[in-house]
Amino acid sequence: MTIAEPTNDTDSTGAMTTFDEPQEVLAVTDPTTGMAVIPETPTSHPGWAVAARILKAVGGAALSFLVIILAWQLIISGFKLSSFIARGPLDVWRYLTSSANASERSLLIDASFTTLRDAALGLVGGTVAAVLTAMIFTMRRGVEQTFLPVAMILRTVPLVAMTPLIALIFGRGLLAVTIIAGIVTFFPTLVNVSLALRSVPEQSIDLMRAYGASPLTTLKKVQWPASLPALFASLRVAAPLALIGALLAEWLATGKGLGYLMLQAVSMFQTDRLWTAVAIVTLASVILYNIISAIEKSVLAKYAPNASRDGI
């Protein structure tokens, strides 16, 4: 970088400012040290930031999956598990890519899409229901004091015990799977978002009241942006749980998807299919986690920049 002969000027604080002729950089002299400081330039285009987040998410997913593969192989080798019951990463890869297993590969792909659809519906439905409930609890404390203990008592009932009852009431179709997958998403999201909505500094609430804002406006302008980090933290935890809920529903209720294939593989001792299904579920969990993390950074950078800078 070439800097032309500078001319000096003094601002109102006494700091010496250096100006360059066709300037690319504006250097400011620090009055305490006497050294020139070149301020950072902003990023040239917001698209670069989005691309960087996507690349970081892809790299994070790849690194996580690599660690899982290494741990998987080390456990098999360290405990000297028999090849009769255990399959390593290379065994699963050969099984998936072998031309002799084309029909099995197609079956696993179809089942995987079914499970991902079930988990996605449960995740979205449970999250929306939890956020709306948390908002109602925040605006109406009496409703929270009445229904939150009931919800927590219901949460103590094992999902395995609730699944047959839900299937009996709502049938063995998509609705039952969505409800079962949504239950495991609903409760952690409800607790975290409710706590975040109540944790907004009282000074911010008082300022909105002083300007005559309604409780709904305060919720929209102050409390909701402040709860976004907690919401995304809940989503990162709930996404793998939604997969587990979908697998459980498929196992006990619908007879479709990876859950049912895994049940068949156990009963018929199809070891290759079982380990491959487990690997697919693990990969899907890692990918979902990193996708949510990438979306979180983009949303927080726009709606909650202070939280984004703090790395929440």
Protein backbone atom coordinates (compact mmCIF):
# COMPACT_ATOMS: atom_id res chain seq x y z
CA MET A 1 0.00 0.00 0.00
CA THR A 2 1.38 3.39 -1.01
CA ILE A 3 0.64 6.40 1.19
CA ALA A 4 1.16 9.91 -0.16
CA GLU A 5 2.91 12.70 1.74
CA PRO A 6 0.65 13.33 4.74
CA THR A 7 -0.75 16.59 5.99
CA ASN A 8 -1.54 16.90 9.66
CA ASP A 9 -4.54 18.32 11.38
CA THR A 10 -5.71 18.32 14.94
CA ASP A 11 -9.25 17.39 15.94
CA SER A 12 -11.22 18.63 18.92
CA THR A 13 -9.68 15.99 21.21
CA GLY A 14 -6.14 16.87 20.33
CA ALA A 15 -5.54 13.68 18.37
CA MET A 16 -3.39 14.10 15.27
CA THR A 17 -5.07 12.88 12.10
CA THR A 18 -3.08 11.92 9.02
CA PHE A 19 -4.72 12.42 5.63
CA ASP A 20 -3.56 10.73 2.48
CA GLU A 21 -4.12 11.96 -1.02
CA PRO A 22 -6.13 9.66 -2.91
CA GLN A 23 -6.69 7.83 0.34
CA GLU A 24 -7.34 4.21 0.89
CA VAL A 25 -6.60 4.39 4.61
CA LEU A 26 -7.27 7.05 7.23
CA ALA A 27 -4.58 6.77 9.91
CA VAL A 28 -5.27 8.26 13.35
CA THR A 29 -2.49 9.02 15.83
CA ASP A 30 -3.15 7.69 19.32
CA PRO A 31 -2.53 10.63 21.71
CA THR A 32 -1.40 8.28 24.53
CA THR A 33 1.22 6.33 22.58
CA GLY A 34 1.98 8.63 19.66
CA MET A 35 1.63 5.70 17.26
CA ALA A 36 -0.49 5.69 14.11
CA VAL A 37 -3.55 3.48 14.26
CA ILE A 38 -5.29 2.28 11.10
CA PRO A 39 -8.96 1.50 11.77
CA GLU A 40 -10.41 -1.74 10.47
CA THR A 41 -12.37 -1.48 7.26
CA PRO A 42 -15.82 -3.07 7.11
CA THR A 43 -16.42 -6.14 5.02
CA SER A 44 -16.96 -5.32 1.38
CA HIS A 45 -20.19 -7.22 0.86
CA PRO A 46 -22.66 -8.90 3.23
CA GLY A 47 -22.73 -11.92 0.93
CA TRP A 48 -19.19 -12.77 2.00
CA ALA A 49 -20.33 -13.04 5.61
CA VAL A 50 -23.13 -15.42 4.64
CA ALA A 51 -20.73 -17.53 2.56
CA ALA A 52 -18.29 -17.62 5.46
CA ARG A 53 -21.01 -18.84 7.83
CA ILE A 54 -22.02 -21.57 5.37
CA LEU A 55 -18.42 -22.70 4.92
CA LYS A 56 -17.90 -22.69 8.67
CA ALA A 57 -21.04 -24.80 9.17
CA VAL A 58 -19.90 -27.29 6.52
CA GLY A 59 -16.44 -27.46 8.03
CA GLY A 60 -17.86 -27.90 11.53
CA ALA A 61 -20.11 -30.74 10.37
CA ALA A 62 -17.24 -32.46 8.58
CA LEU A 63 -14.96 -32.14 11.60
CA SER A 64 -17.64 -33.44 13.98
CA PHE A 65 -18.35 -36.43 11.77
CA LEU A 66 -14.62 -37.16 11.46
CA VAL A 67 -14.30 -37.20 15.25
CA ILE A 68 -17.29 -39.55 15.52
CA ILE A 69 -15.81 -41.91 12.92
CA LEU A 70 -12.46 -42.00 14.72
CA ALA A 71 -14.12 -42.62 18.08
CA TRP A 72 -16.30 -45.32 16.51
CA GLN A 73 -13.29 -47.16 15.06
CA LEU A 74 -11.26 -46.78 18.26
CA ILE A 75 -14.07 -48.29 20.35
CA ILE A 76 -14.35 -51.29 18.03
CA SER A 77 -10.60 -51.79 17.95
CA GLY A 78 -9.97 -51.03 21.61
CA PHE A 79 -12.63 -53.38 22.94
CA LYS A 80 -11.86 -55.95 20.21
CA LEU A 81 -15.52 -56.27 19.28
CA SER A 82 -16.34 -59.24 17.10
CA SER A 83 -17.09 -58.58 13.44
CA PHE A 84 -20.09 -60.84 13.93
CA ILE A 85 -21.91 -58.10 15.88
CA ALA A 86 -19.96 -54.91 15.16
CA ARG A 87 -19.38 -52.95 11.97
CA GLY A 88 -16.79 -50.23 11.48
CA PRO A 89 -17.02 -47.08 9.35
CA LEU A 90 -15.38 -48.78 6.36
CA ASP A 91 -17.78 -51.72 6.60
CA VAL A 92 -20.75 -49.36 6.52
CA TRP A 93 -19.27 -47.42 3.59
CA ARG A 94 -18.73 -50.61 1.57
CA TYR A 95 -22.24 -51.75 2.37
CA LEU A 96 -23.74 -48.47 1.17
CA THR A 97 -21.65 -48.17 -2.00
CA SER A 98 -21.66 -51.81 -3.12
CA SER A 99 -23.47 -52.36 -6.41
CA ALA A 100 -24.86 -55.61 -5.02
CA ASN A 101 -26.81 -53.65 -2.36
CA ALA A 102 -28.67 -51.26 -4.69
CA SER A 103 -32.10 -52.30 -3.42
CA GLU A 104 -30.97 -52.04 0.20
CA ARG A 105 -29.50 -48.60 -0.46
CA SER A 106 -32.76 -47.42 -2.02
CA LEU A 107 -34.69 -48.75 0.99
CA LEU A 108 -32.43 -46.90 3.43
CA ILE A 109 -32.64 -43.65 1.45
CA ASP A 110 -36.44 -43.73 1.37
CA ALA A 111 -36.61 -44.54 5.08
CA SER A 112 -34.16 -41.73 5.86
CA PHE A 113 -36.30 -39.13 4.07
CA THR A 114 -39.36 -40.39 5.96
CA THR A 115 -37.58 -40.04 9.31
CA LEU A 116 -36.19 -36.60 8.46
CA ARG A 117 -39.67 -35.43 7.44
CA ASP A 118 -41.16 -36.74 10.68
CA ALA A 119 -38.42 -35.14 12.78
CA ALA A 120 -38.65 -31.80 10.93
CA LEU A 121 -42.41 -31.60 11.42
CA GLY A 122 -42.04 -32.43 15.09
CA LEU A 123 -39.23 -29.90 15.55
CA VAL A 124 -41.11 -27.08 13.85
CA GLY A 125 -44.44 -27.89 15.47
CA GLY A 126 -42.98 -28.31 18.95
CA THR A 127 -40.92 -25.12 18.67
CA VAL A 128 -43.82 -22.98 17.44
CA ALA A 129 -46.09 -24.32 20.19
CA ALA A 130 -43.39 -23.75 22.83
CA VAL A 131 -42.68 -20.16 21.71
CA LEU A 132 -46.36 -19.22 21.64
CA THR A 133 -46.90 -20.80 25.06
CA ALA A 134 -43.86 -18.99 26.48
CA MET A 135 -45.19 -15.67 25.19
CA ILE A 136 -48.57 -16.32 26.79
CA PHE A 137 -46.87 -17.26 30.06
CA THR A 138 -44.83 -14.03 29.95
CA MET A 139 -47.85 -11.81 29.37
CA ARG A 140 -50.16 -13.69 31.74
CA ARG A 141 -48.29 -14.86 34.83
CA GLY A 142 -51.44 -16.43 36.24
CA VAL A 143 -51.65 -18.75 33.25
CA GLU A 144 -48.03 -19.76 33.77
CA GLN A 145 -48.52 -20.51 37.46
CA THR A 146 -51.53 -22.67 36.59
CA PHE A 147 -50.32 -24.67 33.60
CA LEU A 148 -46.51 -24.87 33.84
CA PRO A 149 -46.55 -27.30 36.81
CA VAL A 150 -49.04 -29.47 34.90
CA ALA A 151 -46.77 -29.47 31.85
CA MET A 152 -43.76 -30.43 33.95
CA ILE A 153 -45.70 -33.30 35.56
CA LEU A 154 -46.69 -34.58 32.13
CA ARG A 155 -43.03 -34.36 31.07
CA THR A 156 -42.06 -36.83 33.78
CA VAL A 157 -44.10 -39.56 32.04
CA PRO A 158 -41.70 -41.60 29.85
CA LEU A 159 -42.26 -41.06 26.16
CA VAL A 160 -42.15 -44.81 25.59
CA ALA A 161 -45.22 -45.13 27.81
CA MET A 162 -47.02 -42.22 26.12
CA THR A 163 -46.40 -43.36 22.53
CA PRO A 164 -48.98 -46.21 22.46
CA LEU A 165 -51.57 -43.91 24.04
CA ILE A 166 -50.89 -41.14 21.51
CA ALA A 167 -51.11 -43.67 18.67
CA LEU A 168 -54.42 -44.93 20.06
CA ILE A 169 -55.88 -41.40 20.20
CA PHE A 170 -54.45 -39.86 17.02
CA GLY A 171 -53.93 -42.97 14.91
CA ARG A 172 -50.74 -44.37 13.45
CA GLY A 173 -50.21 -41.74 10.78
CA LEU A 174 -48.21 -38.56 10.36
CA LEU A 175 -50.12 -36.64 13.03
CA ALA A 176 -49.12 -39.07 15.77
CA VAL A 177 -45.47 -38.98 14.70
CA THR A 178 -45.49 -35.17 14.66
CA ILE A 179 -46.97 -35.03 18.16
CA ILE A 180 -44.46 -37.53 19.56
CA ALA A 181 -41.48 -35.78 17.95
CA GLY A 182 -42.89 -32.40 18.98
CA ILE A 183 -43.21 -33.38 22.65
CA VAL A 184 -39.46 -33.81 23.08
CA THR A 185 -38.94 -30.43 21.40
CA PHE A 186 -41.67 -28.58 23.26
CA PHE A 187 -40.53 -28.79 26.87
CA PRO A 188 -36.86 -27.71 26.69
CA THR A 189 -37.78 -24.88 24.33
CA LEU A 190 -40.63 -23.74 26.58
CA VAL A 191 -38.45 -23.59 29.69
CA ASN A 192 -35.51 -21.84 28.02
CA VAL A 193 -37.55 -19.27 26.09
CA SER A 194 -39.77 -18.49 29.10
CA LEU A 195 -36.68 -17.88 31.22
CA ALA A 196 -35.12 -15.68 28.53
CA LEU A 197 -38.29 -13.60 28.13
CA ARG A 198 -38.39 -12.98 31.88
CA SER A 199 -34.65 -12.19 32.08
CA VAL A 200 -34.85 -8.91 30.14
CA PRO A 201 -33.46 -6.05 32.28
CA GLU A 202 -36.20 -4.28 34.19
CA GLN A 203 -34.88 -0.89 32.99
CA SER A 204 -35.75 -1.83 29.40
CA ILE A 205 -39.28 -2.81 30.42
CA ASP A 206 -39.69 0.43 32.40
CA LEU A 207 -38.50 2.49 29.42
CA MET A 208 -41.11 0.90 27.17
CA ARG A 209 -43.80 1.57 29.79
CA ALA A 210 -42.67 5.17 30.05
CA TYR A 211 -43.24 5.59 26.32
CA GLY A 212 -46.71 4.08 26.67
CA ALA A 213 -45.93 0.80 24.89
CA SER A 214 -48.38 -2.04 25.35
CA PRO A 215 -47.25 -5.40 26.77
CA LEU A 216 -47.47 -6.89 23.27
CA THR A 217 -45.25 -4.15 21.82
CA THR A 218 -42.75 -4.62 24.64
CA LEU A 219 -42.73 -8.34 23.95
CA LYS A 220 -42.15 -7.77 20.24
CA LYS A 221 -39.56 -4.99 20.43
CA VAL A 222 -37.57 -5.92 23.55
CA GLN A 223 -38.24 -9.35 24.98
CA TRP A 224 -38.44 -11.37 21.78
CA PRO A 225 -35.04 -10.24 20.35
CA ALA A 226 -33.46 -10.85 23.77
CA SER A 227 -34.80 -14.44 23.79
CA LEU A 228 -33.36 -15.40 20.39
CA PRO A 229 -30.05 -16.82 21.76
CA ALA A 230 -32.00 -19.05 24.16
CA LEU A 231 -34.33 -20.13 21.35
CA PHE A 232 -31.48 -21.23 19.11
CA ALA A 233 -29.70 -22.94 21.98
CA SER A 234 -32.89 -24.91 22.56
CA LEU A 235 -33.15 -25.76 18.86
CA ARG A 236 -29.62 -27.13 18.79
CA VAL A 237 -30.51 -29.48 21.64
CA ALA A 238 -34.00 -30.28 20.37
CA ALA A 239 -33.06 -31.23 16.80
CA PRO A 240 -31.39 -34.55 17.76
CA LEU A 241 -34.18 -35.15 20.28
CA ALA A 242 -36.75 -34.71 17.51
CA LEU A 243 -34.95 -37.40 15.52
CA ILE A 244 -35.11 -39.70 18.53
CA GLY A 245 -38.82 -38.98 18.94
CA ALA A 246 -39.45 -39.71 15.26
CA LEU A 247 -37.53 -42.99 15.50
CA LEU A 248 -39.49 -43.99 18.58
CA ALA A 249 -42.81 -43.20 16.89
CA GLU A 250 -41.79 -45.20 13.83
CA TRP A 251 -40.65 -48.04 16.06
CA LEU A 252 -43.82 -48.26 18.16
CA ALA A 253 -46.57 -46.71 16.05
CA THR A 254 -46.23 -46.23 12.29
CA GLY A 255 -44.04 -49.08 11.08
CA LYS A 256 -42.22 -46.75 8.65
CA GLY A 257 -38.91 -44.95 8.40
CA LEU A 258 -35.52 -45.75 9.87
CA GLY A 259 -37.02 -46.58 13.25
CA TYR A 260 -38.95 -49.51 11.82
CA LEU A 261 -35.98 -50.65 9.71
CA MET A 262 -33.80 -50.69 12.83
CA LEU A 263 -36.44 -52.72 14.66
CA GLN A 264 -36.52 -55.20 11.79
CA ALA A 265 -32.73 -55.35 11.67
CA VAL A 266 -32.55 -56.23 15.37
CA SER A 267 -35.21 -58.92 15.17
CA MET A 268 -33.77 -60.46 11.99
CA PHE A 269 -30.14 -59.92 12.99
CA GLN A 270 -29.33 -57.79 9.94
CA THR A 271 -26.20 -56.23 11.39
CA ASP A 272 -25.16 -54.27 8.31
CA ARG A 273 -28.54 -52.58 8.01
CA LEU A 274 -28.63 -51.75 11.72
CA TRP A 275 -25.19 -50.11 11.82
CA THR A 276 -25.85 -48.24 8.59
CA ALA A 277 -29.11 -46.85 9.93
CA VAL A 278 -27.35 -45.74 13.13
CA ALA A 279 -24.65 -44.01 11.05
CA ILE A 280 -27.30 -42.20 8.97
CA VAL A 281 -29.11 -40.95 12.09
CA THR A 282 -25.81 -39.76 13.59
CA LEU A 283 -24.84 -37.92 10.41
CA ALA A 284 -28.28 -36.30 10.22
CA SER A 285 -27.99 -35.10 13.84
CA VAL A 286 -24.59 -33.51 13.19
CA ILE A 287 -25.81 -31.80 10.02
CA LEU A 288 -28.95 -30.46 11.69
CA TYR A 289 -26.92 -29.10 14.60
CA ASN A 290 -24.55 -27.21 12.30
CA ILE A 291 -27.35 -25.91 10.06
CA ILE A 292 -29.12 -24.46 13.09
CA SER A 293 -25.83 -22.92 14.28
CA ALA A 294 -25.32 -21.23 10.89
CA ILE A 295 -28.88 -19.89 10.86
CA GLU A 296 -28.42 -18.68 14.44
CA LYS A 297 -25.38 -16.57 13.58
CA SER A 298 -27.15 -14.94 10.65
CA VAL A 299 -30.31 -14.18 12.64
CA LEU A 300 -28.46 -12.89 15.70
CA ALA A 301 -26.23 -10.69 13.54
CA LYS A 302 -29.39 -8.95 12.27
CA TYR A 303 -31.76 -8.96 15.25
CA ALA A 304 -29.48 -9.34 18.29
CA PRO A 305 -26.03 -8.03 17.29
CA ASN A 306 -24.84 -7.66 20.89
CA ALA A 307 -25.49 -11.34 21.55
CA SER A 308 -23.84 -12.24 18.26
CA ARG A 309 -20.68 -10.33 19.15
CA ASP A 310 -20.55 -11.94 22.55
CA GLY A 311 -20.54 -15.34 20.87
CA ILE A 312 -23.78 -16.55 22.44
